[in-house]
Every structure is written in structure tokens, then in C-alpha cells.
Amino acid sequence: MAIATRRLLLPLLACVVGLAALGFSARLYVQSRQVEQHGLLAPVTAVGDGKKVKRSGNHLSFRADVTFIASDGRRITSAAILSGEALNGFRSGQPLQVRYLPDQPAVVRIVGEEDEGGSWLLVLVGVAALAYGGFGFVSGSGRGRMSRRRRA
């Protein structure tokens, strides 16, 4: 009984993880498209110390708190991904702008920076987990029929 339960629980868990990963990736993608289509521009007034999040070749990215003044005059601080070049440029006096959603001002993108809208790693994990779960269900149900046939 424990083996049969495990044969169903692991694929079920994999399917849940896969759906969650794909759902989160879809949410990031939709948010990114909304910012591109409906976002307002605002100049960045301050950038906090960045935490290194990824490196791709010679490209280094940071997650940092950026502060900007919204169109209604509110001062908003939100986390954003920005390149090392943009971070160093801002600190040396170059202007930096964000695009943000007026109804969700914490959702921001740095103008001119790479899009954070969809994580291909999340998509890959989601698809792999769903494939593993689906295969587990198919092979688990086949084993159950085979063992019933042997007993008969």
C-alpha cells in the first residue's frame, strides 16, 4: 500500500510543482507586458546597494531598491533588476528612469534594461515537473493493471 501511495503522490506533487512554476512564470510575463504597454515613466531619485543576482558572460545584474516619484507625487521605493553598467552610471550622475504601473507602483522595470518578464528556467522546471508527473501517472497506472492481471 505504501508503494502504491508513493507511486501516486510523487507524480501528483511533481504536477503541482510544475503548474505552480508555469503559473508564476506566466504571471511575471503578464506583469512585464502590462508595464511595457501601460506603464508610466518616472526618473529614479535614489538607488540602494545592489545585491548581485546573476552573471551572464561579462554582464552582471543586481537587484536593488530604486526610489522614484510617481505621477501623483508619492515617493515610491521598489526592488528592480538593473545591470552593473546602469548602477555605476547612476552613481556617477547619469539619469535613470523606471516604467511603473500606476495602480501597482511596486511593479517596475528599469528603462533600457533587459526584460525580467519571463523566467525560462521556471518554464523549463514547470515543463519537466509536469512531464515527470504525467509519466509517473501513466507508468503507475500501468503497473497497477499489470499486478491485478498477475493475481487473476
Protein backbone atom coordinates (compact mmCIF):
# COMPACT_ATOMS: atom_id res chain seq x y z
CA MET A 1 0.00 0.00 0.00
CA ALA A 2 2.83 2.41 0.84
CA ILE A 3 4.50 1.82 -2.52
CA ALA A 4 1.22 2.36 -4.36
CA THR A 5 0.64 5.61 -2.45
CA ARG A 6 4.17 6.77 -3.25
CA ARG A 7 3.62 5.96 -6.93
CA LEU A 8 0.71 8.38 -6.95
CA LEU A 9 1.94 11.03 -4.52
CA LEU A 10 5.28 11.78 -6.20
CA PRO A 11 3.73 12.32 -9.65
CA LEU A 12 0.95 14.38 -8.08
CA LEU A 13 3.48 16.53 -6.23
CA ALA A 14 5.52 16.94 -9.42
CA CYS A 15 2.40 18.08 -11.30
CA VAL A 16 1.56 20.61 -8.56
CA VAL A 17 5.13 21.99 -8.63
CA GLY A 18 5.05 22.12 -12.43
CA LEU A 19 1.76 24.00 -12.51
CA ALA A 20 2.97 26.42 -9.83
CA ALA A 21 6.20 27.14 -11.73
CA LEU A 22 4.37 27.69 -15.01
CA GLY A 23 1.74 29.85 -13.29
CA PHE A 24 4.36 32.06 -11.65
CA SER A 25 6.25 32.41 -14.92
CA ALA A 26 3.02 33.37 -16.71
CA ARG A 27 2.30 35.96 -14.00
CA LEU A 28 5.76 37.52 -14.47
CA TYR A 29 5.23 37.61 -18.23
CA VAL A 30 1.82 39.29 -17.95
CA GLN A 31 3.15 41.87 -15.48
CA SER A 32 6.05 42.67 -17.79
CA ARG A 33 3.73 43.16 -20.78
CA GLN A 34 1.45 45.39 -18.69
CA VAL A 35 4.40 47.56 -17.65
CA GLU A 36 5.52 47.87 -21.28
CA GLN A 37 2.04 48.74 -22.56
CA HIS A 38 0.54 50.82 -19.73
CA GLY A 39 3.50 51.86 -17.58
CA LEU A 40 4.32 55.46 -16.78
CA LEU A 41 7.86 56.87 -16.88
CA ALA A 42 9.46 58.37 -13.80
CA PRO A 43 13.02 59.48 -13.03
CA VAL A 44 14.90 57.49 -10.41
CA THR A 45 15.96 59.64 -7.45
CA ALA A 46 17.93 57.03 -5.46
CA VAL A 47 19.31 53.52 -5.82
CA GLY A 48 20.12 51.37 -2.82
CA ASP A 49 23.05 48.97 -2.58
CA GLY A 50 22.53 46.24 -5.12
CA LYS A 51 22.70 42.53 -4.43
CA LYS A 52 24.30 40.51 -7.24
CA VAL A 53 21.71 38.15 -8.70
CA LYS A 54 23.17 36.76 -11.94
CA ARG A 55 26.08 36.88 -14.29
CA SER A 56 25.87 36.13 -17.98
CA GLY A 57 29.25 36.30 -19.66
CA ASN A 58 30.53 39.80 -18.87
CA HIS A 59 27.05 41.02 -17.92
CA LEU A 60 26.39 41.38 -14.20
CA SER A 61 22.88 42.06 -12.84
CA PHE A 62 21.83 43.39 -9.46
CA ARG A 63 18.58 43.55 -7.51
CA ALA A 64 18.43 46.94 -5.84
CA ASP A 65 15.85 49.20 -4.24
CA VAL A 66 15.08 52.12 -6.54
CA THR A 67 13.24 55.22 -5.40
CA PHE A 68 11.20 57.38 -7.75
CA ILE A 69 8.48 60.00 -7.62
CA ALA A 70 5.16 58.77 -9.04
CA SER A 71 2.95 60.99 -11.18
CA ASP A 72 0.72 61.69 -8.15
CA GLY A 73 3.73 62.95 -6.15
CA ARG A 74 4.21 59.87 -3.94
CA ARG A 75 7.77 58.77 -3.25
CA ILE A 76 7.95 55.04 -4.01
CA THR A 77 10.73 52.55 -3.34
CA SER A 78 10.63 49.19 -5.08
CA ALA A 79 13.04 46.37 -5.92
CA ALA A 80 14.24 46.24 -9.53
CA ILE A 81 16.80 44.35 -11.61
CA LEU A 82 19.47 46.53 -13.17
CA SER A 83 22.80 45.98 -14.83
CA GLY A 84 26.13 46.86 -13.28
CA GLU A 85 26.58 49.47 -16.01
CA ALA A 86 23.28 51.18 -15.13
CA LEU A 87 24.08 51.07 -11.41
CA ASN A 88 27.55 52.56 -11.91
CA GLY A 89 26.20 55.11 -14.40
CA PHE A 90 23.56 56.33 -11.94
CA ARG A 91 26.14 56.66 -9.18
CA SER A 92 28.32 58.74 -11.50
CA GLY A 93 25.45 61.12 -12.32
CA GLN A 94 23.74 59.61 -15.37
CA PRO A 95 19.93 59.74 -15.24
CA LEU A 96 17.96 56.55 -14.82
CA GLN A 97 14.25 56.04 -15.45
CA VAL A 98 11.70 53.43 -14.41
CA ARG A 99 8.47 52.41 -16.03
CA TYR A 100 5.82 51.53 -13.44
CA LEU A 101 2.13 50.62 -13.27
CA PRO A 102 0.06 53.46 -11.76
CA ASP A 103 -2.29 51.02 -9.98
CA GLN A 104 0.63 48.82 -8.81
CA PRO A 105 3.58 51.19 -8.37
CA ALA A 106 5.75 48.47 -6.84
CA VAL A 107 5.84 46.74 -10.25
CA VAL A 108 8.72 48.50 -12.01
CA ARG A 109 11.17 47.95 -14.83
CA ILE A 110 14.30 49.97 -15.47
CA VAL A 111 14.05 51.65 -18.90
CA GLY A 112 16.65 50.21 -21.27
CA GLU A 113 17.40 47.16 -19.14
CA GLU A 114 16.75 43.54 -20.02
CA ASP A 115 13.23 42.29 -19.54
CA GLU A 116 12.53 40.29 -16.40
CA GLY A 117 9.15 39.27 -17.77
CA GLY A 118 9.55 35.55 -18.00
CA SER A 119 11.99 33.18 -16.50
CA TRP A 120 12.89 30.43 -18.93
CA LEU A 121 14.25 28.46 -16.01
CA LEU A 122 10.79 28.48 -14.40
CA VAL A 123 9.23 27.36 -17.68
CA LEU A 124 11.79 24.56 -18.00
CA VAL A 125 11.24 23.40 -14.40
CA GLY A 126 7.47 23.53 -14.89
CA VAL A 127 7.50 21.51 -18.09
CA ALA A 128 9.96 18.97 -16.67
CA ALA A 129 7.91 18.53 -13.50
CA LEU A 130 4.69 18.09 -15.49
CA ALA A 131 6.39 15.57 -17.78
CA TYR A 132 7.72 13.64 -14.79
CA GLY A 133 4.31 13.70 -13.12
CA GLY A 134 2.50 12.65 -16.27
CA PHE A 135 4.95 9.83 -16.89
CA GLY A 136 4.60 8.76 -13.26
CA PHE A 137 0.82 8.60 -13.53
CA VAL A 138 0.92 6.67 -16.81
CA SER A 139 3.54 4.18 -15.65
CA GLY A 140 1.96 3.90 -12.19
CA SER A 141 -1.47 3.09 -13.61
CA GLY A 142 0.07 0.56 -15.98
CA ARG A 143 1.83 -1.21 -13.09
CA GLY A 144 -1.43 -1.41 -11.18
CA ARG A 145 -3.19 -3.15 -14.07
CA MET A 146 -0.27 -5.50 -14.60
CA SER A 147 -0.23 -6.59 -10.95
CA ARG A 148 -4.03 -7.13 -11.00
CA ARG A 149 -3.70 -9.29 -14.13
CA ARG A 150 -0.98 -11.40 -12.50
CA ARG A 151 -3.16 -12.01 -9.44
CA ALA A 152 -6.13 -13.09 -11.57
